[in-house]
Amino acid sequence: MTVDIVLSNLRLVYPDLPPRELSPNARLNRFRQNRAKRRVQDDIIALMLEQGWPMRPMPQADIHVSFGLPDNRVRDMDNLISSCKAMLDALKTRVIEDDRLTQIDVHYSWFSSPRDPQTIIEVKERR
């Protein structure tokens, strides 16, 4: 008798890059930054609910974040990574149990997306 272990997978496509207000280089007051953070987190939660994510949080996960860049403008990958922290925080306790380094492994990449900028977050359970 064989037992198949089904691992959880989630793929979210956010229809834009992380907001500029969340960049570490943005010189904004906290009110505007917090408003942008809440808006992004609400959007990520809505995307999870659209997919019907009723599953339990994953104890360990591999996360891959891909940035679809709409043009050839020079961008700093560090700023993109910092700007998407609010997106990853929205996953905590809903999709992943915790975001400690021992629990998750996060990778970042980018691709050309001339028609529509986007951020793709893929989460795969790890055992």
N, C-alpha and C. Protein backbone atom coordinates (compact mmCIF):
# COMPACT_ATOMS: atom_id res chain seq x y z
N MET A 1 0.84 -1.17 0.00
CA MET A 1 0.00 0.00 0.00
C MET A 1 0.89 1.24 0.00
N THR A 2 0.61 2.18 -0.89
CA THR A 2 1.36 3.42 -0.94
C THR A 2 0.48 4.56 -0.49
N VAL A 3 1.10 5.49 0.15
CA VAL A 3 0.38 6.66 0.63
C VAL A 3 0.94 7.87 -0.10
N ASP A 4 0.08 8.61 -0.77
CA ASP A 4 0.50 9.83 -1.46
C ASP A 4 0.37 11.01 -0.51
N ILE A 5 1.43 11.76 -0.39
CA ILE A 5 1.40 12.96 0.43
C ILE A 5 1.13 14.14 -0.50
N VAL A 6 0.02 14.80 -0.29
CA VAL A 6 -0.33 15.95 -1.11
C VAL A 6 0.22 17.22 -0.45
N LEU A 7 1.10 17.89 -1.16
CA LEU A 7 1.66 19.13 -0.64
C LEU A 7 0.85 20.30 -1.16
N SER A 8 0.72 21.30 -0.37
CA SER A 8 -0.05 22.49 -0.73
C SER A 8 0.76 23.39 -1.64
N ASN A 9 0.08 24.01 -2.59
CA ASN A 9 0.69 24.99 -3.48
C ASN A 9 -0.26 26.16 -3.62
N LEU A 10 0.30 27.34 -3.75
CA LEU A 10 -0.51 28.55 -3.94
C LEU A 10 0.24 29.46 -4.91
N ARG A 11 -0.50 30.01 -5.88
CA ARG A 11 0.09 30.95 -6.85
C ARG A 11 -0.80 32.19 -6.90
N LEU A 12 -0.24 33.32 -6.51
CA LEU A 12 -0.96 34.58 -6.50
C LEU A 12 -0.35 35.51 -7.54
N VAL A 13 -1.19 36.14 -8.35
CA VAL A 13 -0.70 37.11 -9.34
C VAL A 13 -1.27 38.48 -8.95
N TYR A 14 -0.41 39.30 -8.38
CA TYR A 14 -0.78 40.67 -8.02
C TYR A 14 -0.61 41.52 -9.27
N PRO A 15 -1.63 42.27 -9.67
CA PRO A 15 -1.61 42.94 -10.98
C PRO A 15 -0.78 44.22 -11.04
N ASP A 16 0.32 44.28 -10.35
CA ASP A 16 1.20 45.44 -10.39
C ASP A 16 2.48 45.10 -9.63
N LEU A 17 3.44 45.98 -9.69
CA LEU A 17 4.62 45.86 -8.85
C LEU A 17 4.26 46.37 -7.45
N PRO A 18 5.08 46.08 -6.44
CA PRO A 18 4.79 46.64 -5.12
C PRO A 18 4.72 48.17 -5.21
N PRO A 19 3.83 48.80 -4.46
CA PRO A 19 3.68 50.26 -4.53
C PRO A 19 4.97 50.99 -4.16
N ARG A 20 5.19 52.11 -4.82
CA ARG A 20 6.39 52.92 -4.56
C ARG A 20 6.41 53.44 -3.13
N GLU A 21 5.25 53.61 -2.55
CA GLU A 21 5.18 54.12 -1.17
C GLU A 21 5.86 53.17 -0.18
N LEU A 22 6.00 51.88 -0.56
CA LEU A 22 6.59 50.89 0.33
C LEU A 22 8.09 50.73 0.12
N SER A 23 8.65 51.47 -0.81
CA SER A 23 10.09 51.42 -1.06
C SER A 23 10.83 52.05 0.11
N PRO A 24 11.98 51.49 0.49
CA PRO A 24 12.75 52.11 1.57
C PRO A 24 13.25 53.50 1.20
N ASN A 25 13.28 53.82 -0.09
CA ASN A 25 13.72 55.14 -0.53
C ASN A 25 12.60 56.16 -0.57
N ALA A 26 11.37 55.73 -0.34
CA ALA A 26 10.24 56.67 -0.36
C ALA A 26 10.32 57.55 0.89
N ARG A 27 10.26 58.80 0.67
CA ARG A 27 10.33 59.75 1.79
C ARG A 27 8.91 60.23 2.11
N LEU A 28 8.13 59.33 2.66
CA LEU A 28 6.73 59.63 2.97
C LEU A 28 6.51 59.55 4.47
N ASN A 29 5.41 60.15 4.89
CA ASN A 29 5.08 60.01 6.31
C ASN A 29 4.49 58.62 6.56
N ARG A 30 4.49 58.22 7.79
CA ARG A 30 4.04 56.87 8.17
C ARG A 30 2.58 56.62 7.79
N PHE A 31 1.75 57.65 7.85
CA PHE A 31 0.33 57.48 7.52
C PHE A 31 0.16 56.98 6.09
N ARG A 32 0.85 57.60 5.14
CA ARG A 32 0.75 57.19 3.74
C ARG A 32 1.36 55.80 3.52
N GLN A 33 2.47 55.53 4.19
CA GLN A 33 3.08 54.20 4.06
C GLN A 33 2.16 53.11 4.64
N ASN A 34 1.58 53.37 5.80
CA ASN A 34 0.68 52.38 6.42
C ASN A 34 -0.56 52.15 5.58
N ARG A 35 -1.08 53.21 4.96
CA ARG A 35 -2.25 53.06 4.10
C ARG A 35 -1.92 52.18 2.88
N ALA A 36 -0.75 52.39 2.28
CA ALA A 36 -0.32 51.57 1.14
C ALA A 36 -0.10 50.12 1.57
N LYS A 37 0.47 49.94 2.75
CA LYS A 37 0.71 48.58 3.27
C LYS A 37 -0.61 47.85 3.49
N ARG A 38 -1.59 48.49 4.12
CA ARG A 38 -2.90 47.86 4.35
C ARG A 38 -3.60 47.53 3.04
N ARG A 39 -3.49 48.43 2.06
CA ARG A 39 -4.13 48.21 0.76
C ARG A 39 -3.54 46.98 0.07
N VAL A 40 -2.21 46.86 0.08
CA VAL A 40 -1.56 45.71 -0.54
C VAL A 40 -1.92 44.42 0.19
N GLN A 41 -1.90 44.46 1.51
CA GLN A 41 -2.23 43.26 2.28
C GLN A 41 -3.68 42.84 2.04
N ASP A 42 -4.60 43.78 1.97
CA ASP A 42 -6.00 43.46 1.66
C ASP A 42 -6.12 42.84 0.27
N ASP A 43 -5.36 43.36 -0.69
CA ASP A 43 -5.38 42.79 -2.05
C ASP A 43 -4.86 41.37 -2.07
N ILE A 44 -3.79 41.10 -1.35
CA ILE A 44 -3.23 39.74 -1.31
C ILE A 44 -4.22 38.78 -0.64
N ILE A 45 -4.84 39.20 0.44
CA ILE A 45 -5.83 38.36 1.11
C ILE A 45 -7.01 38.09 0.17
N ALA A 46 -7.45 39.11 -0.57
CA ALA A 46 -8.55 38.93 -1.53
C ALA A 46 -8.16 37.92 -2.61
N LEU A 47 -6.91 37.97 -3.09
CA LEU A 47 -6.46 37.00 -4.09
C LEU A 47 -6.47 35.58 -3.52
N MET A 48 -6.07 35.43 -2.26
CA MET A 48 -6.10 34.11 -1.63
C MET A 48 -7.54 33.60 -1.53
N LEU A 49 -8.45 34.46 -1.13
CA LEU A 49 -9.85 34.06 -1.00
C LEU A 49 -10.47 33.73 -2.35
N GLU A 50 -10.09 34.48 -3.40
CA GLU A 50 -10.59 34.18 -4.75
C GLU A 50 -10.22 32.77 -5.16
N GLN A 51 -9.06 32.33 -4.75
CA GLN A 51 -8.62 30.98 -5.08
C GLN A 51 -9.19 29.95 -4.12
N GLY A 52 -9.94 30.39 -3.14
CA GLY A 52 -10.56 29.47 -2.19
C GLY A 52 -9.54 28.82 -1.27
N TRP A 53 -8.61 29.61 -0.76
CA TRP A 53 -7.56 29.06 0.10
C TRP A 53 -8.12 28.77 1.48
N PRO A 54 -8.65 27.56 1.69
CA PRO A 54 -9.18 27.21 3.01
C PRO A 54 -8.22 26.36 3.82
N MET A 55 -7.04 26.10 3.25
CA MET A 55 -6.13 25.15 3.85
C MET A 55 -5.47 25.71 5.10
N ARG A 56 -4.92 24.82 5.87
CA ARG A 56 -4.19 25.21 7.07
C ARG A 56 -2.88 25.87 6.66
N PRO A 57 -2.30 26.69 7.51
CA PRO A 57 -1.00 27.30 7.20
C PRO A 57 0.09 26.24 7.09
N MET A 58 1.01 26.44 6.19
CA MET A 58 2.11 25.50 5.97
C MET A 58 3.18 25.71 7.04
N PRO A 59 3.66 24.64 7.67
CA PRO A 59 4.70 24.81 8.68
C PRO A 59 6.04 25.23 8.06
N GLN A 60 6.36 24.71 6.88
CA GLN A 60 7.58 25.09 6.18
C GLN A 60 7.24 25.27 4.71
N ALA A 61 7.82 26.29 4.08
CA ALA A 61 7.47 26.58 2.70
C ALA A 61 8.63 27.19 1.94
N ASP A 62 8.58 26.96 0.63
CA ASP A 62 9.47 27.63 -0.30
C ASP A 62 8.63 28.69 -1.01
N ILE A 63 9.12 29.92 -1.03
CA ILE A 63 8.38 31.03 -1.64
C ILE A 63 9.24 31.60 -2.76
N HIS A 64 8.60 31.78 -3.90
CA HIS A 64 9.29 32.40 -5.04
C HIS A 64 8.49 33.63 -5.45
N VAL A 65 9.14 34.78 -5.46
CA VAL A 65 8.50 36.03 -5.86
C VAL A 65 9.14 36.47 -7.17
N SER A 66 8.30 36.66 -8.19
CA SER A 66 8.78 37.10 -9.51
C SER A 66 8.17 38.45 -9.82
N PHE A 67 9.01 39.38 -10.24
CA PHE A 67 8.55 40.71 -10.60
C PHE A 67 8.49 40.83 -12.12
N GLY A 68 7.31 41.10 -12.66
CA GLY A 68 7.13 41.33 -14.09
C GLY A 68 7.33 42.80 -14.38
N LEU A 69 8.46 43.15 -15.00
CA LEU A 69 8.82 44.55 -15.22
C LEU A 69 8.29 45.02 -16.57
N PRO A 70 7.57 46.15 -16.60
CA PRO A 70 6.90 46.59 -17.83
C PRO A 70 7.79 47.32 -18.83
N ASP A 71 8.99 47.72 -18.41
CA ASP A 71 9.83 48.51 -19.32
C ASP A 71 11.30 48.22 -19.01
N ASN A 72 12.17 48.91 -19.71
CA ASN A 72 13.61 48.69 -19.54
C ASN A 72 14.26 49.63 -18.54
N ARG A 73 13.43 50.30 -17.74
CA ARG A 73 13.97 51.19 -16.72
C ARG A 73 14.88 50.42 -15.77
N VAL A 74 15.95 51.05 -15.36
CA VAL A 74 16.86 50.41 -14.40
C VAL A 74 16.19 50.42 -13.03
N ARG A 75 16.12 49.26 -12.42
CA ARG A 75 15.51 49.14 -11.09
C ARG A 75 16.49 48.47 -10.15
N ASP A 76 16.36 48.79 -8.90
CA ASP A 76 17.20 48.21 -7.87
C ASP A 76 16.44 47.03 -7.26
N MET A 77 16.99 45.83 -7.42
CA MET A 77 16.32 44.63 -6.93
C MET A 77 16.11 44.68 -5.41
N ASP A 78 17.06 45.29 -4.69
CA ASP A 78 16.91 45.39 -3.23
C ASP A 78 15.66 46.18 -2.86
N ASN A 79 15.37 47.25 -3.60
CA ASN A 79 14.17 48.04 -3.31
C ASN A 79 12.90 47.25 -3.62
N LEU A 80 12.90 46.49 -4.71
CA LEU A 80 11.73 45.66 -5.02
C LEU A 80 11.49 44.63 -3.92
N ILE A 81 12.56 44.02 -3.46
CA ILE A 81 12.43 43.01 -2.41
C ILE A 81 11.90 43.65 -1.12
N SER A 82 12.45 44.78 -0.74
CA SER A 82 11.99 45.47 0.48
C SER A 82 10.54 45.91 0.34
N SER A 83 10.17 46.34 -0.85
CA SER A 83 8.82 46.84 -1.08
C SER A 83 7.77 45.74 -1.01
N CYS A 84 8.16 44.49 -1.21
CA CYS A 84 7.15 43.42 -1.19
C CYS A 84 7.01 42.77 0.19
N LYS A 85 7.65 43.32 1.21
CA LYS A 85 7.53 42.78 2.56
C LYS A 85 6.08 42.72 3.03
N ALA A 86 5.30 43.74 2.73
CA ALA A 86 3.89 43.75 3.14
C ALA A 86 3.12 42.60 2.50
N MET A 87 3.48 42.25 1.27
CA MET A 87 2.82 41.13 0.60
C MET A 87 3.11 39.82 1.32
N LEU A 88 4.36 39.62 1.70
CA LEU A 88 4.73 38.40 2.40
C LEU A 88 4.14 38.38 3.81
N ASP A 89 4.04 39.53 4.45
CA ASP A 89 3.43 39.59 5.78
C ASP A 89 1.96 39.19 5.72
N ALA A 90 1.28 39.45 4.60
CA ALA A 90 -0.12 39.06 4.46
C ALA A 90 -0.28 37.54 4.43
N LEU A 91 0.77 36.83 4.04
CA LEU A 91 0.71 35.37 3.99
C LEU A 91 0.84 34.74 5.37
N LYS A 92 1.49 35.47 6.28
CA LYS A 92 1.76 34.93 7.62
C LYS A 92 0.47 34.63 8.35
N THR A 93 0.41 33.47 8.95
CA THR A 93 -0.70 32.89 9.72
C THR A 93 -1.86 32.43 8.83
N ARG A 94 -1.86 32.80 7.55
CA ARG A 94 -2.92 32.34 6.65
C ARG A 94 -2.40 31.23 5.74
N VAL A 95 -1.22 31.45 5.15
CA VAL A 95 -0.64 30.49 4.22
C VAL A 95 0.60 29.83 4.83
N ILE A 96 1.40 30.62 5.51
CA ILE A 96 2.57 30.08 6.20
C ILE A 96 2.42 30.33 7.69
N GLU A 97 2.90 29.40 8.49
CA GLU A 97 2.76 29.55 9.94
C GLU A 97 3.57 30.71 10.48
N ASP A 98 4.79 30.83 9.98
CA ASP A 98 5.69 31.86 10.50
C ASP A 98 6.67 32.22 9.39
N ASP A 99 7.27 33.39 9.50
CA ASP A 99 8.23 33.80 8.46
C ASP A 99 9.66 33.80 8.98
N ARG A 100 9.93 32.97 9.98
CA ARG A 100 11.30 32.82 10.45
C ARG A 100 12.15 32.15 9.38
N LEU A 101 13.44 32.43 9.38
CA LEU A 101 14.35 31.86 8.39
C LEU A 101 14.36 30.34 8.39
N THR A 102 14.10 29.73 9.54
CA THR A 102 14.11 28.26 9.60
C THR A 102 12.83 27.66 9.02
N GLN A 103 11.81 28.48 8.82
CA GLN A 103 10.52 27.99 8.34
C GLN A 103 10.30 28.21 6.85
N ILE A 104 10.88 29.26 6.29
CA ILE A 104 10.65 29.57 4.88
C ILE A 104 11.97 29.80 4.16
N ASP A 105 11.92 29.61 2.87
CA ASP A 105 13.05 29.90 1.99
C ASP A 105 12.50 30.75 0.86
N VAL A 106 12.96 31.99 0.73
CA VAL A 106 12.40 32.93 -0.24
C VAL A 106 13.43 33.21 -1.34
N HIS A 107 12.96 33.14 -2.58
CA HIS A 107 13.78 33.44 -3.75
C HIS A 107 13.09 34.52 -4.57
N TYR A 108 13.88 35.36 -5.20
CA TYR A 108 13.35 36.46 -6.00
C TYR A 108 13.92 36.40 -7.42
N SER A 109 13.10 36.80 -8.38
CA SER A 109 13.56 36.90 -9.76
C SER A 109 12.73 37.96 -10.46
N TRP A 110 13.07 38.24 -11.70
CA TRP A 110 12.31 39.21 -12.48
C TRP A 110 12.19 38.69 -13.92
N PHE A 111 11.21 39.21 -14.63
CA PHE A 111 11.03 38.87 -16.03
C PHE A 111 10.42 40.07 -16.73
N SER A 112 10.51 40.09 -18.03
CA SER A 112 9.96 41.19 -18.81
C SER A 112 8.47 40.94 -19.03
N SER A 113 7.67 41.95 -18.74
CA SER A 113 6.22 41.86 -18.90
C SER A 113 5.74 43.19 -19.49
N PRO A 114 5.97 43.42 -20.80
CA PRO A 114 5.74 44.74 -21.39
C PRO A 114 4.30 45.25 -21.31
N ARG A 115 3.35 44.40 -21.33
CA ARG A 115 1.96 44.86 -21.34
C ARG A 115 1.40 45.16 -19.95
N ASP A 116 1.81 44.38 -18.99
CA ASP A 116 1.25 44.58 -17.65
C ASP A 116 2.26 44.22 -16.56
N PRO A 117 2.61 45.20 -15.73
CA PRO A 117 3.49 44.89 -14.60
C PRO A 117 2.75 43.98 -13.64
N GLN A 118 3.47 43.09 -13.01
CA GLN A 118 2.84 42.16 -12.08
C GLN A 118 3.86 41.60 -11.10
N THR A 119 3.34 41.10 -10.00
CA THR A 119 4.16 40.41 -9.02
C THR A 119 3.52 39.05 -8.79
N ILE A 120 4.28 38.00 -9.03
CA ILE A 120 3.77 36.64 -8.87
C ILE A 120 4.41 36.03 -7.63
N ILE A 121 3.57 35.53 -6.74
CA ILE A 121 4.04 34.90 -5.51
C ILE A 121 3.61 33.44 -5.55
N GLU A 122 4.59 32.55 -5.54
CA GLU A 122 4.32 31.13 -5.54
C GLU A 122 4.81 30.54 -4.22
N VAL A 123 3.92 29.81 -3.56
CA VAL A 123 4.25 29.21 -2.27
C VAL A 123 4.05 27.71 -2.39
N LYS A 124 5.08 26.95 -2.03
CA LYS A 124 5.01 25.50 -2.09
C LYS A 124 5.41 24.94 -0.72
N GLU A 125 4.59 24.02 -0.25
CA GLU A 125 4.88 23.41 1.05
C GLU A 125 6.13 22.55 0.95
N ARG A 126 6.93 22.60 2.00
CA ARG A 126 8.17 21.82 2.06
C ARG A 126 8.07 20.87 3.24
N ARG A 127 8.54 19.66 3.03
CA ARG A 127 8.54 18.68 4.13
C ARG A 127 9.92 18.17 4.36
